[in-house]
Amino acid sequence: MTPGKQVPSRGEQAPGTARVAVVTGANKGIGREIARQLAERGHVVHLGARDPGRGHAAERELRAEGLDVRFLHLDVTDENSVALAAKRVADETGPLHVLVNNAGIGVPEQAPSQTSAEQVRRVYETNVFGVVTVTNAFLPLLRRAGSARIVNVSSAVGSLAAAAAREDPSGVFPPGTFPAMLAYGTSKAALNAVTLAYANELRDTGILVNAASPGFVATDINGHNGVLGVEQGARVPVLLATLDDDGPTAAFLGEDGTPGGQVLPW
């Protein structure tokens, strides 16, 4: 952005040519970086966060960089919160061009037999059911945009083909090994299936629906043990969020350092 460029006030509609994005779980980590990169590309970005303090702090910091980023109170596990967030976006910026379902949680890695059903249920509430709730609530706004993108932030550990072969396509785990993460891994496999379901429903509508694996990024979810920075982790989600109209739908892409990303097996 040009230094000193005036950022629209929170209640002011951006220029009509601006694309509008919502990013969930965006007050930190990969989500925040996705919000930053989309705003740098000229999007008006609604930064979704369930914690108002952290959300407003992220908004202030990004707006200080000259970016049109607006805190959006959004708890993906609360249907009322999601409905109010969708109404706020409709009232403030109208049609929605990009929805990035980034919010996600995990549990410490442990054997499936040591993982309780309650742990699995809690992870699914955010990683799967939250995505369904948010997507359904914002879909009318995405349809109004005519040409829109939905990006679900998944993981290579959600690949059923890779799990069955015990071959990690991202190269994080050595050949012949694959993490048996009952809660997190299967939630991402379910999210992949959700992605395909929406992609198939929305074919020929101008809405492209894809899944992205950011790679092994150092974030809170892995105790910052990842090997990639958030800038790298945000690259593929942003790539999918900014596809041309002839771009793919029902694709699963991962970060491998190449311009177009790595096609991952479902």
Protein backbone atom coordinates (compact mmCIF):
# COMPACT_ATOMS: atom_id res chain seq x y z
CA MET A 1 0.00 0.00 0.00
CA THR A 2 1.13 3.59 -0.60
CA PRO A 3 2.46 5.17 2.65
CA GLY A 4 -0.11 7.48 4.14
CA LYS A 5 -2.98 6.12 2.05
CA GLN A 6 -6.30 6.89 3.68
CA VAL A 7 -8.15 3.82 4.97
CA PRO A 8 -11.97 3.97 4.84
CA SER A 9 -13.67 4.33 8.22
CA ARG A 10 -15.35 1.23 9.59
CA GLY A 11 -18.81 2.29 8.45
CA GLU A 12 -17.71 3.49 5.03
CA GLN A 13 -18.22 1.34 1.95
CA ALA A 14 -15.04 0.72 0.02
CA PRO A 15 -14.95 1.63 -3.68
CA GLY A 16 -17.38 -0.44 -5.73
CA THR A 17 -14.56 -2.27 -7.48
CA ALA A 18 -13.15 -3.63 -4.19
CA ARG A 19 -13.63 -7.30 -3.47
CA VAL A 20 -14.81 -8.22 0.02
CA ALA A 21 -13.46 -11.10 2.12
CA VAL A 22 -14.26 -12.79 5.41
CA VAL A 23 -11.53 -14.78 7.15
CA THR A 24 -12.44 -16.79 10.25
CA GLY A 25 -10.00 -17.30 13.12
CA ALA A 26 -7.99 -14.36 11.82
CA ASN A 27 -6.71 -12.55 14.89
CA LYS A 28 -3.41 -14.50 14.85
CA GLY A 29 -1.28 -17.01 12.97
CA ILE A 30 -2.11 -18.11 9.44
CA GLY A 31 -5.56 -16.52 9.51
CA ARG A 32 -4.19 -13.11 10.31
CA GLU A 33 -1.60 -13.42 7.56
CA ILE A 34 -4.30 -14.48 5.07
CA ALA A 35 -6.24 -11.35 6.07
CA ARG A 36 -3.12 -9.24 5.60
CA GLN A 37 -2.27 -10.64 2.17
CA LEU A 38 -5.82 -10.30 0.89
CA ALA A 39 -5.98 -6.70 2.11
CA GLU A 40 -2.65 -5.99 0.43
CA ARG A 41 -4.28 -7.18 -2.80
CA GLY A 42 -7.02 -4.60 -2.41
CA HIS A 43 -9.71 -6.61 -0.62
CA VAL A 44 -11.86 -5.18 2.13
CA VAL A 45 -11.26 -7.84 4.79
CA HIS A 46 -13.57 -8.69 7.67
CA LEU A 47 -11.23 -10.22 10.26
CA GLY A 48 -13.25 -12.84 12.11
CA ALA A 49 -12.35 -13.52 15.73
CA ARG A 50 -14.28 -14.75 18.74
CA ASP A 51 -12.20 -12.72 21.25
CA PRO A 52 -13.06 -9.01 20.86
CA GLY A 53 -9.86 -7.84 22.54
CA ARG A 54 -7.59 -9.83 20.24
CA GLY A 55 -9.74 -9.07 17.21
CA HIS A 56 -9.67 -5.32 17.76
CA ALA A 57 -5.91 -5.43 18.43
CA ALA A 58 -5.30 -7.23 15.13
CA GLU A 59 -7.56 -4.76 13.33
CA ARG A 60 -5.66 -1.77 14.74
CA GLU A 61 -2.28 -3.19 13.83
CA LEU A 62 -3.26 -4.03 10.25
CA ARG A 63 -5.09 -0.76 9.67
CA ALA A 64 -1.95 1.05 10.87
CA GLU A 65 -0.27 -0.51 7.82
CA GLY A 66 -2.82 1.18 5.56
CA LEU A 67 -4.97 -1.93 5.09
CA ASP A 68 -8.78 -1.95 5.09
CA VAL A 69 -9.26 -4.66 7.72
CA ARG A 70 -12.34 -4.64 9.95
CA PHE A 71 -12.82 -6.73 13.09
CA LEU A 72 -15.85 -9.03 12.85
CA HIS A 73 -17.01 -10.69 16.04
CA LEU A 74 -17.46 -14.31 14.98
CA ASP A 75 -17.51 -17.53 17.00
CA VAL A 76 -17.91 -20.33 14.46
CA THR A 77 -19.37 -22.67 17.10
CA ASP A 78 -22.19 -20.24 17.97
CA GLU A 79 -24.99 -20.07 15.38
CA ASN A 80 -26.27 -16.75 16.74
CA SER A 81 -22.81 -15.20 16.53
CA VAL A 82 -22.43 -16.41 12.95
CA ALA A 83 -25.86 -15.08 11.95
CA LEU A 84 -25.10 -11.66 13.44
CA ALA A 85 -21.73 -11.60 11.67
CA ALA A 86 -23.35 -12.37 8.32
CA LYS A 87 -25.88 -9.58 8.86
CA ARG A 88 -23.10 -7.16 9.74
CA VAL A 89 -21.22 -7.95 6.52
CA ALA A 90 -24.42 -7.67 4.47
CA ASP A 91 -25.21 -4.28 5.99
CA GLU A 92 -21.68 -2.89 5.80
CA THR A 93 -20.20 -4.14 2.54
CA GLY A 94 -22.96 -6.13 0.79
CA PRO A 95 -21.90 -8.95 -1.55
CA LEU A 96 -19.09 -11.24 -0.39
CA HIS A 97 -16.41 -12.36 -2.83
CA VAL A 98 -14.16 -14.49 -0.62
CA LEU A 99 -14.84 -16.72 2.39
CA VAL A 100 -11.81 -18.34 4.03
CA ASN A 101 -12.80 -20.91 6.65
CA ASN A 102 -9.56 -20.83 8.61
CA ALA A 103 -10.66 -21.23 12.24
CA GLY A 104 -9.49 -24.56 13.62
CA ILE A 105 -8.40 -26.30 16.80
CA GLY A 106 -6.60 -29.51 17.70
CA VAL A 107 -5.68 -31.65 20.70
CA PRO A 108 -2.26 -32.94 21.75
CA GLU A 109 -1.14 -35.83 19.53
CA GLN A 110 -1.98 -39.16 21.15
CA ALA A 111 -2.98 -42.66 20.14
CA PRO A 112 -6.56 -43.02 18.82
CA SER A 113 -7.31 -45.49 21.61
CA GLN A 114 -6.33 -42.82 24.13
CA THR A 115 -8.49 -40.13 22.54
CA SER A 116 -11.94 -39.65 24.03
CA ALA A 117 -15.10 -39.18 22.04
CA GLU A 118 -15.53 -35.83 23.78
CA GLN A 119 -12.16 -34.65 22.47
CA VAL A 120 -13.14 -35.66 18.95
CA ARG A 121 -16.53 -33.99 19.32
CA ARG A 122 -14.97 -30.72 20.51
CA VAL A 123 -12.56 -30.56 17.55
CA TYR A 124 -15.35 -31.35 15.07
CA GLU A 125 -17.50 -28.53 16.49
CA THR A 126 -14.96 -26.00 15.20
CA ASN A 127 -13.22 -27.75 12.31
CA VAL A 128 -16.28 -29.29 10.64
CA PHE A 129 -19.61 -28.09 11.99
CA GLY A 130 -18.30 -24.54 12.32
CA VAL A 131 -17.39 -24.52 8.65
CA VAL A 132 -20.88 -25.73 7.68
CA THR A 133 -22.53 -23.09 9.89
CA VAL A 134 -20.39 -20.25 8.53
CA THR A 135 -20.64 -21.33 4.89
CA ASN A 136 -24.42 -21.64 4.99
CA ALA A 137 -24.79 -18.26 6.69
CA PHE A 138 -22.58 -16.40 4.21
CA LEU A 139 -23.61 -18.28 1.06
CA PRO A 140 -26.40 -15.83 0.14
CA LEU A 141 -23.81 -13.02 0.12
CA LEU A 142 -21.40 -15.12 -1.95
CA ARG A 143 -24.17 -15.80 -4.47
CA ARG A 144 -24.82 -12.06 -4.74
CA ALA A 145 -21.19 -11.49 -5.76
CA GLY A 146 -21.59 -13.57 -8.91
CA SER A 147 -17.95 -14.64 -8.90
CA ALA A 148 -16.82 -15.83 -5.47
CA ARG A 149 -14.34 -18.14 -3.76
CA ILE A 150 -14.63 -20.42 -0.72
CA VAL A 151 -11.37 -21.70 0.73
CA ASN A 152 -11.36 -24.28 3.52
CA VAL A 153 -8.05 -24.47 5.38
CA SER A 154 -7.38 -28.18 5.71
CA SER A 155 -4.23 -30.26 6.24
CA ALA A 156 -2.28 -33.01 4.49
CA VAL A 157 -3.01 -35.20 7.53
CA GLY A 158 -6.65 -35.19 6.37
CA SER A 159 -5.78 -37.09 3.18
CA LEU A 160 -7.33 -40.57 3.35
CA ALA A 161 -5.19 -41.79 0.44
CA ALA A 162 -2.01 -40.65 2.18
CA ALA A 163 -3.09 -42.17 5.49
CA ALA A 164 -3.87 -45.54 3.88
CA ALA A 165 -0.48 -45.58 2.12
CA ARG A 166 1.30 -44.09 5.15
CA GLU A 167 3.01 -41.67 2.78
CA ASP A 168 2.96 -38.00 3.71
CA PRO A 169 2.78 -36.02 0.43
CA SER A 170 4.11 -32.90 2.18
CA GLY A 171 7.30 -34.69 3.23
CA VAL A 172 7.02 -33.69 6.89
CA PHE A 173 6.82 -37.31 8.06
CA PRO A 174 9.28 -39.96 6.81
CA PRO A 175 8.06 -42.55 4.26
CA GLY A 176 6.20 -45.41 5.92
CA THR A 177 4.90 -43.22 8.74
CA PHE A 178 1.78 -41.13 9.09
CA PRO A 179 0.31 -39.49 12.22
CA ALA A 180 -2.71 -41.33 13.67
CA MET A 181 -4.48 -38.18 14.86
CA LEU A 182 -8.03 -39.31 15.57
CA ALA A 183 -9.49 -35.91 16.45
CA TYR A 184 -7.58 -33.48 14.26
CA GLY A 185 -6.75 -35.74 11.31
CA THR A 186 -10.24 -37.11 10.85
CA SER A 187 -11.75 -33.64 11.29
CA LYS A 188 -9.68 -32.47 8.32
CA ALA A 189 -10.71 -35.55 6.33
CA ALA A 190 -14.33 -34.66 7.08
CA LEU A 191 -13.63 -31.06 6.11
CA ASN A 192 -12.28 -32.28 2.76
CA ALA A 193 -15.53 -34.16 2.19
CA VAL A 194 -17.48 -31.03 3.13
CA THR A 195 -15.40 -29.08 0.60
CA LEU A 196 -16.30 -31.50 -2.19
CA ALA A 197 -19.99 -31.44 -1.26
CA TYR A 198 -20.18 -27.65 -1.56
CA ALA A 199 -18.02 -27.63 -4.70
CA ASN A 200 -20.39 -30.03 -6.41
CA GLU A 201 -23.50 -28.12 -5.36
CA LEU A 202 -22.05 -24.80 -6.52
CA ARG A 203 -20.61 -25.86 -9.87
CA ASP A 204 -21.74 -23.52 -12.65
CA THR A 205 -22.63 -20.75 -10.17
CA GLY A 206 -19.34 -18.86 -10.41
CA ILE A 207 -18.42 -19.91 -6.85
CA LEU A 208 -15.21 -21.96 -6.68
CA VAL A 209 -14.75 -24.14 -3.59
CA ASN A 210 -11.35 -25.59 -2.72
CA ALA A 211 -9.26 -26.86 0.19
CA ALA A 212 -5.78 -25.68 1.13
CA SER A 213 -3.05 -27.28 3.23
CA PRO A 214 -0.76 -24.47 4.47
CA GLY A 215 2.07 -26.89 5.27
CA PHE A 216 3.85 -27.42 8.59
CA VAL A 217 3.63 -23.83 9.82
CA ALA A 218 4.84 -22.73 13.25
CA THR A 219 1.61 -21.79 15.05
CA ASP A 220 -0.09 -22.26 18.42
CA ILE A 221 -1.78 -25.46 17.23
CA ASN A 222 1.58 -27.29 17.04
CA GLY A 223 3.40 -25.46 19.80
CA HIS A 224 5.28 -23.42 17.18
CA ASN A 225 7.25 -26.49 16.13
CA GLY A 226 6.51 -26.02 12.43
CA VAL A 227 9.20 -25.28 9.89
CA LEU A 228 7.36 -22.68 7.78
CA GLY A 229 6.48 -19.08 8.60
CA VAL A 230 2.94 -17.73 8.45
CA GLU A 231 3.78 -15.85 5.23
CA GLN A 232 4.45 -19.19 3.53
CA GLY A 233 1.44 -20.82 5.18
CA ALA A 234 -0.92 -18.15 3.89
CA ARG A 235 0.30 -18.38 0.29
CA VAL A 236 -1.82 -21.29 -0.98
CA PRO A 237 -5.05 -20.18 0.76
CA VAL A 238 -4.60 -16.71 -0.76
CA LEU A 239 -3.82 -18.26 -4.15
CA LEU A 240 -7.12 -20.15 -4.04
CA ALA A 241 -8.99 -17.09 -2.73
CA THR A 242 -7.83 -15.03 -5.72
CA LEU A 243 -8.33 -17.54 -8.53
CA ASP A 244 -9.47 -16.31 -11.92
CA ASP A 245 -12.94 -17.35 -13.03
CA ASP A 246 -11.48 -20.27 -15.00
CA GLY A 247 -9.67 -21.61 -11.95
CA PRO A 248 -10.27 -25.06 -10.45
CA THR A 249 -13.00 -26.12 -8.07
CA ALA A 250 -12.98 -29.24 -5.86
CA ALA A 251 -9.17 -29.06 -5.69
CA PHE A 252 -6.90 -29.80 -2.70
CA LEU A 253 -3.64 -27.85 -2.86
CA GLY A 254 -0.66 -27.81 -0.52
CA GLU A 255 2.41 -25.68 -0.05
CA ASP A 256 5.53 -27.06 -1.73
CA GLY A 257 7.24 -23.85 -2.79
CA THR A 258 6.09 -24.01 -6.43
CA PRO A 259 4.02 -21.17 -7.91
CA GLY A 260 0.86 -23.25 -8.33
CA GLY A 261 1.18 -25.35 -5.18
CA GLN A 262 1.10 -29.14 -4.84
CA VAL A 263 -1.99 -31.13 -5.81
CA LEU A 264 -2.76 -33.34 -2.82
CA PRO A 265 -4.70 -36.62 -2.86
CA TRP A 266 -8.08 -36.62 -1.17
